[in-house]
Amino acid sequence: MKQKGVDLGSGPVGKLLFSLALPTITSQIVNMLYNLVDRVYIGHMKPVDTVGALALTGVGVCLPVILIISAFAALAAMGGAPRASIEEGRGNINRSEQIMGNSFTLLAIMAIILTICFQLFAEPLLLTFGASENTISYAMSYMRIYSLGTIFVQMTLGMNGFITAQGFSTVGMKTVLIGAGLNTVLDPILIFGLRLGVQGAATATIISQAVSAIWVLRFLSGRQTKWRLRRENLRLRAEVFLPSLALGLSPFIMQSTESLLAICFNSSLLKYGGDIAVGAMTVLTSMMQFAMMPIQGLSQGAQPIISYNFGARNARRVKDAFLCLLKASVSYAVVLWLLVQAFPQFFVQIFNNDSALVSYGAWALRIYMGASCLFGVQLACQQTFMATGNAKSSLFLAILRKIILLIPMIYILPNFFEDKAFAVFLAEPVADLLAVSTTAALFFVQFRRSVAALEEGEKTL
């Protein structure tokens, strides 16, 4: 299959992977800037306007809302995009378009429901997520406006996945570059120039996402796309969208449980360390998300190659693509871990220059990312499960790390340490170590089985 010089079915796998991954990595990093830029500007607001550290913490407790919106986008699209790629590998373009059309409809329905829920239940949700009497006003100001743009976030994140899944990674990169660039320009104007504070940050974000959403839908309805968004495919059909939802459950759980994790972390840290500990957690989660973007970009760059060749039953290229992805991901994760352990203060200062928060966040970051060197293995294996349509294994691994391991650790470990806030941060690397070990063992068995089936010419999903 050739699209703008991209040949997923032949040619050197390594060169192809990086040609797709580079724009995708850029997209992942720039997409994170939507919220990162907001936090950086808000964290550096002058005391004469508001207290920057409290405003940053207030926006931080809105993170679960942002993650929930992203999770529902992943449910509809990240399950649909790999399946659409597999169908194209089988030569069934019509089925690919049906999957994309049904995903669009699901995204629209979920966006409407989420917007209503967030508007009606903003305050109790934010208090549950860890807001205090000092930060609730900032959190409410941000969330009320941000949630109005749910439809734009859903369409941008969800439908852009169908662009990159076809091999148009450069177009997918432009989607987020347009939105993030606009957000970066609008933030200082609205936050400082018009003195709108956190409300200005939220407004800038939804305007930028709206522009990105228009860009995505215009491309998918135009002539350049391989799979076109057609009106006749918008009608929901169970046999089309249910398999996609099954595969999408894994990324949905991975992202939606980030929201649950934020509740668990914030409530525990508020109890043991106060507002400064919750503020530090905002910095840590921001750092973790930003730092993991290149690995996720590599994984998404590999997805079209693995899915297409899996559908075409080309076992050799599936194996080569995975091994290339694994090597690149592990190399990056190890380098990142070394930098964080050596220079934690530098990374914390990106988000806030308050001396107390920098000092507290530096030691916490070292603990929190103590096992991040293993993330390359985790993400490479998990993404390959999704790319090959292995919904059951992918779902199990998503549940294992966060629900079975991490959440209990947050409450169990403080019982064994005098510094209970330290114990809460320690839960992350302990859970990571156990999860990666399990993932690697399961993947070794399942992947060998799937490749053997391909080599025998069997259709295995």
Foldseek 3Di string as FASTA:
>chain_A
DDAPRQDLPDDDLLVLLCVLLVLLLLQLLLLLLLVQVLLQVLQPDDVVLNHSLLLSLLQLLCVLLVLLLLLQLLLLAVLLLLVLLLCVLLVNLVLSLLSLLQSLLSLQVVLVVSLVVCQVCVQVSSVLLQDDPSRSVSNSLQSNLLSVLSSLVSLLSNLLLNCSLQVNSNLSSVLSCQLSVQLNVQQCCQCPVVVPNSNSSSNSNSVSSNVSSVSSLVVLCDDSDSRHNDPVSNDDDCVNRVLSSLLSLLSSLLRSVVSVLSSLLNVQCCVQPNSLLSSLVSLLVSLVSSLCSSLVSSLSSLLSSLSSCLSNLPLVSNVSSLVSSLVVLLVSQVVVLVCLLVCVLVSSVSSHDDPVSSVVNSVLNCLLCVQSSLVSLVSSLLSSCSSNSVSVLSNVLSCQLRPVQQSVQLVPQLVPDPSSSSSNSNSNNVSVVVSSVVSVVVSVVVVVVSSVCSVVVHNDD
